[in-house]
Amino acid sequence: MKIIRYIFKLIASFFHLIYSLFYKLYRKNKLAFIILCALIFFAIYIGAFSAVRNHIEKSKTTDVLNVDTGNEKNKVEKQIEIKNKEEAKKSLSILLSQSKKVYIADEDVENIKITGSILDNFDRHLEMFVKIRSIDDTFNAKYHGYSEDGIKFQTDFNYMKIIKGSRVEVYKIPVAMKDDFENLYRRMIYTSVDFITSKKGLGKIEVYHKNDKKRIMPWNKDDLVYKILYKREVGKIQPEKEFSETKDNYTIKMEKSGVDLTIQTMGKDFIKVICGDNTAYYEVYPDLYNYMHDDVFN
């Protein structure tokens, strides 16, 4: 009790001292007293306002972190977890068929990009493959590729092995589909514009217009192939129609990596690419047609 009385006496003495100082200042200089009171009032007001504002901001931040962000983070994590589980359930052939870009190769040609309708045809074949447990040592894959999302595959046209990370799945290609799939694969490579326009393996090139024939000199080969700028692969109906309605069409015969190719202009906007029994049609820019018409056969 003595300690409490002593503390109260100290507090009373402090307030008495403050009162005395303020009273003396008031008696001597009222203007200074008013200014001092105003400064003290504003200091207390600003201090209290800042404390309240900081408390409110801290409460909002805590609420956001604990409620909104936390909940949103949990939702995202749950969505990712669900997606990963769904992906894990899908076979690798399905995941490969869902890729937007695929790059294929054989023993001689690398990194031929496959997109659009050609890739759709490739995907339809994948759907027909039969998953099996394993293959024997006779599997010798000379043909391979990969997707833009890191799925790799190898095939000998009897089987296909698909790999993604540590996952490996093996598929049997139905006997009835083997020749069709092999022809498709060769067509994807050897009738692709990527293959035609690459410098590698570019051999003799001859061009024809009606009964006129010309040899493209080595220093002009790049000029010709770089004019083949395609937009997309198309069906045969519109190109064949344009071919029949166009007075001047041009034929290009070239040797490429030991393969004989024929490129036929079908009007200004289309070409037909032929490699053996494989044929593909492309919508192109008019650069090739104009080059043949204005420069080569002018």
C-alpha atoms as a PDB file:
ATOM      1  CA  MET A   1       0.000   0.000   0.000  1.00  0.00           C
ATOM      2  CA  LYS A   2       2.854   2.384   0.762  1.00  0.00           C
ATOM      3  CA  ILE A   3       4.240   1.825  -2.720  1.00  0.00           C
ATOM      4  CA  ILE A   4       0.865   2.597  -4.327  1.00  0.00           C
ATOM      5  CA  ARG A   5       0.493   5.775  -2.247  1.00  0.00           C
ATOM      6  CA  TYR A   6       4.016   6.752  -3.252  1.00  0.00           C
ATOM      7  CA  ILE A   7       3.238   6.248  -6.957  1.00  0.00           C
ATOM      8  CA  PHE A   8       0.043   8.305  -6.695  1.00  0.00           C
ATOM      9  CA  LYS A   9       2.025  11.077  -4.964  1.00  0.00           C
ATOM     10  CA  LEU A  10       4.550  11.071  -7.826  1.00  0.00           C
ATOM     11  CA  ILE A  11       1.784  11.247 -10.431  1.00  0.00           C
ATOM     12  CA  ALA A  12       0.057  14.043  -8.502  1.00  0.00           C
ATOM     13  CA  SER A  13       3.339  15.928  -8.179  1.00  0.00           C
ATOM     14  CA  PHE A  14       3.948  15.542 -11.957  1.00  0.00           C
ATOM     15  CA  PHE A  15       0.528  16.901 -12.880  1.00  0.00           C
ATOM     16  CA  HIS A  16       0.897  19.697 -10.286  1.00  0.00           C
ATOM     17  CA  LEU A  17       4.232  20.675 -11.856  1.00  0.00           C
ATOM     18  CA  ILE A  18       2.706  20.698 -15.346  1.00  0.00           C
ATOM     19  CA  TYR A  19      -0.231  22.734 -14.100  1.00  0.00           C
ATOM     20  CA  SER A  20       2.095  25.228 -12.440  1.00  0.00           C
ATOM     21  CA  LEU A  21       4.182  25.653 -15.586  1.00  0.00           C
ATOM     22  CA  PHE A  22       1.113  26.124 -17.773  1.00  0.00           C
ATOM     23  CA  TYR A  23      -0.426  28.568 -15.249  1.00  0.00           C
ATOM     24  CA  LYS A  24       2.757  30.665 -15.070  1.00  0.00           C
ATOM     25  CA  LEU A  25       2.989  30.688 -18.871  1.00  0.00           C
ATOM     26  CA  TYR A  26      -0.666  31.715 -19.097  1.00  0.00           C
ATOM     27  CA  ARG A  27      -0.096  34.612 -16.652  1.00  0.00           C
ATOM     28  CA  LYS A  28       3.043  35.848 -18.396  1.00  0.00           C
ATOM     29  CA  ASN A  29       2.231  35.288 -22.115  1.00  0.00           C
ATOM     30  CA  LYS A  30      -1.275  34.215 -23.120  1.00  0.00           C
ATOM     31  CA  LEU A  31      -0.380  34.020 -26.847  1.00  0.00           C
ATOM     32  CA  ALA A  32       2.489  31.608 -26.205  1.00  0.00           C
ATOM     33  CA  PHE A  33       0.175  29.557 -23.971  1.00  0.00           C
ATOM     34  CA  ILE A  34      -2.455  29.283 -26.721  1.00  0.00           C
ATOM     35  CA  ILE A  35       0.164  28.300 -29.341  1.00  0.00           C
ATOM     36  CA  LEU A  36       1.628  25.663 -27.033  1.00  0.00           C
ATOM     37  CA  CYS A  37      -1.807  24.199 -26.332  1.00  0.00           C
ATOM     38  CA  ALA A  38      -2.584  24.099 -30.047  1.00  0.00           C
ATOM     39  CA  LEU A  39       0.701  22.299 -30.799  1.00  0.00           C
ATOM     40  CA  ILE A  40       0.074  19.773 -28.037  1.00  0.00           C
ATOM     41  CA  PHE A  41      -3.477  19.195 -29.311  1.00  0.00           C
ATOM     42  CA  PHE A  42      -2.340  18.609 -32.883  1.00  0.00           C
ATOM     43  CA  ALA A  43       0.487  16.345 -31.727  1.00  0.00           C
ATOM     44  CA  ILE A  44      -1.967  14.227 -29.736  1.00  0.00           C
ATOM     45  CA  TYR A  45      -4.461  14.235 -32.641  1.00  0.00           C
ATOM     46  CA  ILE A  46      -1.877  13.219 -35.256  1.00  0.00           C
ATOM     47  CA  GLY A  47      -0.434  10.548 -32.986  1.00  0.00           C
ATOM     48  CA  ALA A  48      -3.845   9.087 -32.259  1.00  0.00           C
ATOM     49  CA  PHE A  49      -4.870   9.235 -35.953  1.00  0.00           C
ATOM     50  CA  SER A  50      -1.682   7.467 -37.055  1.00  0.00           C
ATOM     51  CA  ALA A  51      -2.089   4.785 -34.434  1.00  0.00           C
ATOM     52  CA  VAL A  52      -5.695   4.108 -35.443  1.00  0.00           C
ATOM     53  CA  ARG A  53      -4.854   4.068 -39.164  1.00  0.00           C
ATOM     54  CA  ASN A  54      -1.928   1.672 -38.664  1.00  0.00           C
ATOM     55  CA  HIS A  55      -4.153  -0.598 -36.645  1.00  0.00           C
ATOM     56  CA  ILE A  56      -6.819  -0.631 -39.374  1.00  0.00           C
ATOM     57  CA  GLU A  57      -4.267  -1.279 -42.164  1.00  0.00           C
ATOM     58  CA  LYS A  58      -2.680  -4.061 -40.166  1.00  0.00           C
ATOM     59  CA  SER A  59      -6.074  -5.631 -39.573  1.00  0.00           C
ATOM     60  CA  LYS A  60      -6.923  -5.483 -43.305  1.00  0.00           C
ATOM     61  CA  THR A  61      -3.570  -6.980 -44.299  1.00  0.00           C
ATOM     62  CA  THR A  62      -3.941  -9.741 -41.760  1.00  0.00           C
ATOM     63  CA  ASP A  63      -7.450 -10.477 -42.999  1.00  0.00           C
ATOM     64  CA  VAL A  64      -6.300 -10.592 -46.625  1.00  0.00           C
ATOM     65  CA  LEU A  65      -3.383 -12.855 -45.828  1.00  0.00           C
ATOM     66  CA  ASN A  66      -5.358 -15.127 -43.579  1.00  0.00           C
ATOM     67  CA  VAL A  67      -8.568 -15.239 -45.556  1.00  0.00           C
ATOM     68  CA  ASP A  68      -8.395 -14.090 -49.192  1.00  0.00           C
ATOM     69  CA  THR A  69      -4.848 -14.958 -50.170  1.00  0.00           C
ATOM     70  CA  GLY A  70      -4.806 -18.058 -48.081  1.00  0.00           C
ATOM     71  CA  ASN A  71      -8.055 -19.328 -49.517  1.00  0.00           C
ATOM     72  CA  GLU A  72      -7.045 -18.404 -53.072  1.00  0.00           C
ATOM     73  CA  LYS A  73      -3.723 -20.130 -52.645  1.00  0.00           C
ATOM     74  CA  ASN A  74      -5.499 -23.222 -51.418  1.00  0.00           C
ATOM     75  CA  LYS A  75      -7.833 -23.134 -54.410  1.00  0.00           C
ATOM     76  CA  VAL A  76      -4.913 -22.874 -56.850  1.00  0.00           C
ATOM     77  CA  GLU A  77      -3.058 -25.660 -55.096  1.00  0.00           C
ATOM     78  CA  LYS A  78      -6.149 -27.851 -55.188  1.00  0.00           C
ATOM     79  CA  GLN A  79      -6.685 -27.132 -58.904  1.00  0.00           C
ATOM     80  CA  ILE A  80      -3.039 -28.001 -59.667  1.00  0.00           C
ATOM     81  CA  GLU A  81      -3.305 -31.157 -57.602  1.00  0.00           C
ATOM     82  CA  ILE A  82      -6.518 -32.195 -59.391  1.00  0.00           C
ATOM     83  CA  LYS A  83      -4.957 -31.440 -62.797  1.00  0.00           C
ATOM     84  CA  ASN A  84      -1.843 -33.457 -61.944  1.00  0.00           C
ATOM     85  CA  LYS A  85      -3.981 -36.403 -60.866  1.00  0.00           C
ATOM     86  CA  GLU A  86      -5.997 -36.197 -64.078  1.00  0.00           C
ATOM     87  CA  GLU A  87      -2.796 -36.004 -66.167  1.00  0.00           C
ATOM     88  CA  ALA A  88      -1.392 -39.020 -64.330  1.00  0.00           C
ATOM     89  CA  LYS A  89      -4.494 -41.023 -65.230  1.00  0.00           C
ATOM     90  CA  LYS A  90      -4.173 -40.205 -68.944  1.00  0.00           C
ATOM     91  CA  SER A  91      -2.108 -42.493 -71.117  1.00  0.00           C
ATOM     92  CA  LEU A  92       0.982 -41.014 -72.754  1.00  0.00           C
ATOM     93  CA  SER A  93      -0.558 -41.538 -76.199  1.00  0.00           C
ATOM     94  CA  ILE A  94      -3.429 -39.245 -75.189  1.00  0.00           C
ATOM     95  CA  LEU A  95      -1.033 -36.647 -73.773  1.00  0.00           C
ATOM     96  CA  LEU A  96       1.013 -36.784 -76.988  1.00  0.00           C
ATOM     97  CA  SER A  97      -2.135 -36.389 -79.102  1.00  0.00           C
ATOM     98  CA  GLN A  98      -3.046 -33.264 -77.114  1.00  0.00           C
ATOM     99  CA  SER A  99       0.213 -31.506 -78.021  1.00  0.00           C
ATOM    100  CA  LYS A 100      -0.091 -28.530 -80.382  1.00  0.00           C
ATOM    101  CA  LYS A 101       3.331 -29.016 -81.998  1.00  0.00           C
ATOM    102  CA  VAL A 102       5.304 -32.177 -82.679  1.00  0.00           C
ATOM    103  CA  TYR A 103       8.781 -32.496 -84.199  1.00  0.00           C
ATOM    104  CA  ILE A 104       9.661 -35.721 -86.027  1.00  0.00           C
ATOM    105  CA  ALA A 105      12.806 -37.239 -87.536  1.00  0.00           C
ATOM    106  CA  ASP A 106      14.243 -40.284 -89.234  1.00  0.00           C
ATOM    107  CA  GLU A 107      17.816 -41.416 -89.892  1.00  0.00           C
ATOM    108  CA  ASP A 108      18.513 -38.575 -92.327  1.00  0.00           C
ATOM    109  CA  VAL A 109      16.218 -35.689 -91.393  1.00  0.00           C
ATOM    110  CA  GLU A 110      15.806 -33.940 -88.045  1.00  0.00           C
ATOM    111  CA  ASN A 111      13.283 -31.591 -86.424  1.00  0.00           C
ATOM    112  CA  ILE A 112      10.464 -31.458 -88.942  1.00  0.00           C
ATOM    113  CA  LYS A 113       7.685 -29.459 -87.295  1.00  0.00           C
ATOM    114  CA  ILE A 114       4.191 -30.933 -87.578  1.00  0.00           C
ATOM    115  CA  THR A 115       1.120 -28.815 -86.872  1.00  0.00           C
ATOM    116  CA  GLY A 116      -2.429 -28.291 -88.084  1.00  0.00           C
ATOM    117  CA  SER A 117      -4.315 -30.900 -90.094  1.00  0.00           C
ATOM    118  CA  ILE A 118      -1.249 -33.147 -90.590  1.00  0.00           C
ATOM    119  CA  LEU A 119      -0.837 -33.345 -86.809  1.00  0.00           C
ATOM    120  CA  ASP A 120      -4.566 -34.074 -86.469  1.00  0.00           C
ATOM    121  CA  ASN A 121      -4.121 -37.051 -88.812  1.00  0.00           C
ATOM    122  CA  PHE A 122      -1.138 -38.241 -86.768  1.00  0.00           C
ATOM    123  CA  ASP A 123      -3.231 -37.957 -83.579  1.00  0.00           C
ATOM    124  CA  ARG A 124      -6.044 -40.028 -85.072  1.00  0.00           C
ATOM    125  CA  HIS A 125      -3.571 -42.840 -85.694  1.00  0.00           C
ATOM    126  CA  LEU A 126      -2.314 -42.640 -82.102  1.00  0.00           C
ATOM    127  CA  GLU A 127      -5.827 -43.239 -80.825  1.00  0.00           C
ATOM    128  CA  MET A 128      -5.853 -46.643 -82.542  1.00  0.00           C
ATOM    129  CA  PHE A 129      -2.606 -47.927 -81.033  1.00  0.00           C
ATOM    130  CA  VAL A 130      -2.915 -50.675 -78.401  1.00  0.00           C
ATOM    131  CA  LYS A 131      -1.062 -50.305 -75.110  1.00  0.00           C
ATOM    132  CA  ILE A 132       1.017 -53.352 -74.123  1.00  0.00           C
ATOM    133  CA  ARG A 133       3.274 -54.155 -71.199  1.00  0.00           C
ATOM    134  CA  SER A 134       6.638 -54.498 -72.937  1.00  0.00           C
ATOM    135  CA  ILE A 135       8.488 -55.238 -76.171  1.00  0.00           C
ATOM    136  CA  ASP A 136      11.411 -57.532 -76.877  1.00  0.00           C
ATOM    137  CA  ASP A 137      14.966 -56.670 -77.889  1.00  0.00           C
ATOM    138  CA  THR A 138      14.131 -56.719 -81.605  1.00  0.00           C
ATOM    139  CA  PHE A 139      12.675 -53.207 -81.280  1.00  0.00           C
ATOM    140  CA  ASN A 140      14.941 -50.956 -83.367  1.00  0.00           C
ATOM    141  CA  ALA A 141      13.500 -47.472 -83.603  1.00  0.00           C
ATOM    142  CA  LYS A 142      14.854 -45.505 -86.567  1.00  0.00           C
ATOM    143  CA  TYR A 143      12.116 -42.910 -86.327  1.00  0.00           C
ATOM    144  CA  HIS A 144      11.606 -40.620 -83.396  1.00  0.00           C
ATOM    145  CA  GLY A 145      10.217 -37.294 -82.309  1.00  0.00           C
ATOM    146  CA  TYR A 146       9.117 -35.100 -79.435  1.00  0.00           C
ATOM    147  CA  SER A 147       6.344 -32.692 -78.535  1.00  0.00           C
ATOM    148  CA  GLU A 148       6.631 -29.093 -77.402  1.00  0.00           C
ATOM    149  CA  ASP A 149       5.714 -30.180 -73.861  1.00  0.00           C
ATOM    150  CA  GLY A 150       8.542 -32.688 -73.517  1.00  0.00           C
ATOM    151  CA  ILE A 151       6.948 -35.991 -74.545  1.00  0.00           C
ATOM    152  CA  LYS A 152       9.317 -38.186 -76.590  1.00  0.00           C
ATOM    153  CA  PHE A 153       8.529 -41.156 -78.794  1.00  0.00           C
ATOM    154  CA  GLN A 154      10.295 -43.823 -80.872  1.00  0.00           C
ATOM    155  CA  THR A 155       8.821 -46.154 -83.480  1.00  0.00           C
ATOM    156  CA  ASP A 156       9.710 -48.873 -85.966  1.00  0.00           C
ATOM    157  CA  PHE A 157       6.129 -48.876 -87.344  1.00  0.00           C
ATOM    158  CA  ASN A 158       5.431 -52.119 -85.500  1.00  0.00           C
ATOM    159  CA  TYR A 159       5.610 -50.607 -82.030  1.00  0.00           C
ATOM    160  CA  MET A 160       5.799 -47.149 -80.515  1.00  0.00           C
ATOM    161  CA  LYS A 161       7.507 -46.286 -77.238  1.00  0.00           C
ATOM    162  CA  ILE A 162       6.365 -43.025 -75.607  1.00  0.00           C
ATOM    163  CA  ILE A 163       8.353 -41.417 -72.794  1.00  0.00           C
ATOM    164  CA  LYS A 164       7.614 -38.552 -70.419  1.00  0.00           C
ATOM    165  CA  GLY A 165      10.050 -38.129 -67.558  1.00  0.00           C
ATOM    166  CA  SER A 166      10.210 -41.437 -65.709  1.00  0.00           C
ATOM    167  CA  ARG A 167       7.038 -42.754 -67.350  1.00  0.00           C
ATOM    168  CA  VAL A 168       7.444 -45.159 -70.262  1.00  0.00           C
ATOM    169  CA  GLU A 169       4.572 -46.743 -72.178  1.00  0.00           C
ATOM    170  CA  VAL A 170       4.685 -49.135 -75.126  1.00  0.00           C
ATOM    171  CA  TYR A 171       2.053 -49.467 -77.864  1.00  0.00           C
ATOM    172  CA  LYS A 172       1.450 -52.031 -80.573  1.00  0.00           C
ATOM    173  CA  ILE A 173       0.622 -50.562 -83.970  1.00  0.00           C
ATOM    174  CA  PRO A 174      -2.164 -52.696 -85.504  1.00  0.00           C
ATOM    175  CA  VAL A 175      -0.953 -54.672 -88.519  1.00  0.00           C
ATOM    176  CA  ALA A 176      -3.729 -53.229 -90.685  1.00  0.00           C
ATOM    177  CA  MET A 177      -2.474 -49.706 -89.887  1.00  0.00           C
ATOM    178  CA  LYS A 178       1.260 -50.256 -90.270  1.00  0.00           C
ATOM    179  CA  ASP A 179       1.622 -49.310 -93.963  1.00  0.00           C
ATOM    180  CA  ASP A 180      -0.771 -46.401 -93.641  1.00  0.00           C
ATOM    181  CA  PHE A 181       1.080 -45.018 -90.615  1.00  0.00           C
ATOM    182  CA  GLU A 182       4.466 -45.459 -92.293  1.00  0.00           C
ATOM    183  CA  ASN A 183       3.251 -43.614 -95.388  1.00  0.00           C
ATOM    184  CA  LEU A 184       1.824 -40.874 -93.195  1.00  0.00           C
ATOM    185  CA  TYR A 185       5.117 -40.527 -91.349  1.00  0.00           C
ATOM    186  CA  ARG A 186       7.118 -40.307 -94.562  1.00  0.00           C
ATOM    187  CA  ARG A 187       4.651 -37.810 -95.984  1.00  0.00           C
ATOM    188  CA  MET A 188       4.912 -35.683 -92.827  1.00  0.00           C
ATOM    189  CA  ILE A 189       8.670 -35.491 -93.349  1.00  0.00           C
ATOM    190  CA  TYR A 190       9.303 -35.524 -97.087  1.00  0.00           C
ATOM    191  CA  THR A 191       6.356 -33.439 -98.258  1.00  0.00           C
ATOM    192  CA  SER A 192       6.755 -30.865 -95.472  1.00  0.00           C
ATOM    193  CA  VAL A 193       7.757 -27.348 -96.390  1.00  0.00           C
ATOM    194  CA  ASP A 194      10.295 -27.395 -93.548  1.00  0.00           C
ATOM    195  CA  PHE A 195      12.091 -30.258 -95.311  1.00  0.00           C
ATOM    196  CA  ILE A 196      11.899 -28.664 -98.767  1.00  0.00           C
ATOM    197  CA  THR A 197      13.217 -25.279 -97.707  1.00  0.00           C
ATOM    198  CA  SER A 198      16.163 -26.449 -95.580  1.00  0.00           C
ATOM    199  CA  LYS A 199      19.608 -26.140 -97.188  1.00  0.00           C
ATOM    200  CA  LYS A 200      20.739 -29.575 -96.038  1.00  0.00           C
ATOM    201  CA  GLY A 201      20.911 -32.177 -98.805  1.00  0.00           C
ATOM    202  CA  LEU A 202      19.664 -29.839-101.526  1.00  0.00           C
ATOM    203  CA  GLY A 203      20.665 -31.312-104.897  1.00  0.00           C
ATOM    204  CA  LYS A 204      19.740 -30.759-108.542  1.00  0.00           C
ATOM    205  CA  ILE A 205      16.724 -28.543-109.287  1.00  0.00           C
ATOM    206  CA  GLU A 206      14.944 -28.303-112.636  1.00  0.00           C
ATOM    207  CA  VAL A 207      11.874 -26.216-113.440  1.00  0.00           C
ATOM    208  CA  TYR A 208       9.292 -26.643-116.189  1.00  0.00           C
ATOM    209  CA  HIS A 209       6.707 -24.462-117.870  1.00  0.00           C
ATOM    210  CA  LYS A 210       4.780 -26.270-120.594  1.00  0.00           C
ATOM    211  CA  ASN A 211       7.534 -27.448-122.992  1.00  0.00           C
ATOM    212  CA  ASP A 212      10.178 -25.138-121.573  1.00  0.00           C
ATOM    213  CA  LYS A 213      12.762 -26.578-119.162  1.00  0.00           C
ATOM    214  CA  LYS A 214      15.438 -24.766-117.182  1.00  0.00           C
ATOM    215  CA  ARG A 215      18.128 -25.812-114.716  1.00  0.00           C
ATOM    216  CA  ILE A 216      18.439 -23.798-111.532  1.00  0.00           C
ATOM    217  CA  MET A 217      22.086 -22.962-110.963  1.00  0.00           C
ATOM    218  CA  PRO A 218      23.576 -23.628-107.500  1.00  0.00           C
ATOM    219  CA  TRP A 219      23.803 -19.922-106.669  1.00  0.00           C
ATOM    220  CA  ASN A 220      20.063 -19.507-107.374  1.00  0.00           C
ATOM    221  CA  LYS A 221      18.791 -22.511-105.401  1.00  0.00           C
ATOM    222  CA  ASP A 222      18.356 -20.595-102.171  1.00  0.00           C
ATOM    223  CA  ASP A 223      16.444 -17.840-103.974  1.00  0.00           C
ATOM    224  CA  LEU A 224      13.939 -20.397-105.223  1.00  0.00           C
ATOM    225  CA  VAL A 225      13.333 -22.432-102.072  1.00  0.00           C
ATOM    226  CA  TYR A 226      13.095 -19.332 -99.892  1.00  0.00           C
ATOM    227  CA  LYS A 227      10.171 -18.194-102.018  1.00  0.00           C
ATOM    228  CA  ILE A 228       8.124 -21.154-100.749  1.00  0.00           C
ATOM    229  CA  LEU A 229       6.296 -19.487 -97.895  1.00  0.00           C
ATOM    230  CA  TYR A 230       3.349 -21.557 -96.765  1.00  0.00           C
ATOM    231  CA  LYS A 231       0.357 -20.660 -94.632  1.00  0.00           C
ATOM    232  CA  ARG A 232      -1.183 -24.067 -93.931  1.00  0.00           C
ATOM    233  CA  GLU A 233      -1.869 -27.514 -95.321  1.00  0.00           C
ATOM    234  CA  VAL A 234      -5.178 -27.799 -97.200  1.00  0.00           C
ATOM    235  CA  GLY A 235      -7.290 -30.366 -99.006  1.00  0.00           C
ATOM    236  CA  LYS A 236      -7.024 -31.007-102.740  1.00  0.00           C
ATOM    237  CA  ILE A 237     -10.327 -29.541-104.028  1.00  0.00           C
ATOM    238  CA  GLN A 238      -9.503 -25.824-104.058  1.00  0.00           C
ATOM    239  CA  PRO A 239      -5.881 -26.232-105.311  1.00  0.00           C
ATOM    240  CA  GLU A 240      -6.961 -28.517-108.158  1.00  0.00           C
ATOM    241  CA  LYS A 241      -9.655 -26.037-109.111  1.00  0.00           C
ATOM    242  CA  GLU A 242      -7.123 -23.182-109.155  1.00  0.00           C
ATOM    243  CA  PHE A 243      -4.751 -25.319-111.228  1.00  0.00           C
ATOM    244  CA  SER A 244      -7.398 -25.950-113.904  1.00  0.00           C
ATOM    245  CA  GLU A 245      -8.345 -22.266-114.048  1.00  0.00           C
ATOM    246  CA  THR A 246      -4.787 -20.854-114.211  1.00  0.00           C
ATOM    247  CA  LYS A 247      -3.161 -20.333-117.615  1.00  0.00           C
ATOM    248  CA  ASP A 248       0.451 -20.558-116.422  1.00  0.00           C
ATOM    249  CA  ASN A 249       1.553 -23.147-113.886  1.00  0.00           C
ATOM    250  CA  TYR A 250       5.082 -24.252-113.057  1.00  0.00           C
ATOM    251  CA  THR A 251       6.646 -27.554-112.016  1.00  0.00           C
ATOM    252  CA  ILE A 252       9.764 -27.860-109.876  1.00  0.00           C
ATOM    253  CA  LYS A 253      11.660 -31.150-109.682  1.00  0.00           C
ATOM    254  CA  MET A 254      14.360 -31.382-107.038  1.00  0.00           C
ATOM    255  CA  GLU A 255      16.621 -33.879-105.367  1.00  0.00           C
ATOM    256  CA  LYS A 256      16.699 -33.536-101.595  1.00  0.00           C
ATOM    257  CA  SER A 257      18.629 -35.828 -99.225  1.00  0.00           C
ATOM    258  CA  GLY A 258      18.467 -38.642-101.770  1.00  0.00           C
ATOM    259  CA  VAL A 259      14.725 -38.199-102.301  1.00  0.00           C
ATOM    260  CA  ASP A 260      13.032 -37.008-105.518  1.00  0.00           C
ATOM    261  CA  LEU A 261      10.421 -34.302-104.986  1.00  0.00           C
ATOM    262  CA  THR A 262       7.984 -32.553-107.292  1.00  0.00           C
ATOM    263  CA  ILE A 263       6.443 -29.188-106.466  1.00  0.00           C
ATOM    264  CA  GLN A 264       3.579 -28.067-108.668  1.00  0.00           C
ATOM    265  CA  THR A 265       2.166 -24.548-108.507  1.00  0.00           C
ATOM    266  CA  MET A 266      -1.628 -24.561-108.428  1.00  0.00           C
ATOM    267  CA  GLY A 267      -2.312 -20.979-109.322  1.00  0.00           C
ATOM    268  CA  LYS A 268      -0.684 -18.270-107.239  1.00  0.00           C
ATOM    269  CA  ASP A 269      -1.983 -19.381-103.861  1.00  0.00           C
ATOM    270  CA  PHE A 270      -1.420 -23.154-103.698  1.00  0.00           C
ATOM    271  CA  ILE A 271       1.230 -25.801-104.338  1.00  0.00           C
ATOM    272  CA  LYS A 272       1.162 -29.585-104.534  1.00  0.00           C
ATOM    273  CA  VAL A 273       4.151 -31.485-103.140  1.00  0.00           C
ATOM    274  CA  ILE A 274       4.726 -35.055-104.351  1.00  0.00           C
ATOM    275  CA  CYS A 275       7.183 -37.573-102.920  1.00  0.00           C
ATOM    276  CA  GLY A 276       6.674 -41.074-104.294  1.00  0.00           C
ATOM    277  CA  ASP A 277       3.125 -42.069-103.430  1.00  0.00           C
ATOM    278  CA  ASN A 278       2.771 -39.240-100.921  1.00  0.00           C
ATOM    279  CA  THR A 279       1.068 -35.955-101.820  1.00  0.00           C
ATOM    280  CA  ALA A 280       0.362 -32.832 -99.801  1.00  0.00           C
ATOM    281  CA  TYR A 281      -1.315 -29.540-100.695  1.00  0.00           C
ATOM    282  CA  TYR A 282      -0.435 -26.201 -99.143  1.00  0.00           C
ATOM    283  CA  GLU A 283      -1.835 -22.716 -99.263  1.00  0.00           C
ATOM    284  CA  VAL A 284       1.130 -20.411 -99.901  1.00  0.00           C
ATOM    285  CA  TYR A 285       2.003 -16.784-100.450  1.00  0.00           C
ATOM    286  CA  PRO A 286       2.322 -15.765-104.136  1.00  0.00           C
ATOM    287  CA  ASP A 287       6.096 -15.206-103.867  1.00  0.00           C
ATOM    288  CA  LEU A 288       7.005 -18.536-105.512  1.00  0.00           C
ATOM    289  CA  TYR A 289       4.560 -18.128-108.406  1.00  0.00           C
ATOM    290  CA  ASN A 290       5.677 -14.553-109.026  1.00  0.00           C
ATOM    291  CA  TYR A 291       9.346 -15.574-108.940  1.00  0.00           C
ATOM    292  CA  MET A 292       8.771 -18.335-111.499  1.00  0.00           C
ATOM    293  CA  HIS A 293       6.611 -16.107-113.707  1.00  0.00           C
ATOM    294  CA  ASP A 294       8.606 -12.881-113.535  1.00  0.00           C
ATOM    295  CA  ASP A 295      12.218 -14.039-113.066  1.00  0.00           C
ATOM    296  CA  VAL A 296      12.767 -17.638-114.147  1.00  0.00           C
ATOM    297  CA  PHE A 297      10.542 -17.792-117.246  1.00  0.00           C
ATOM    298  CA  ASN A 298      10.405 -14.123-118.161  1.00  0.00           C
END
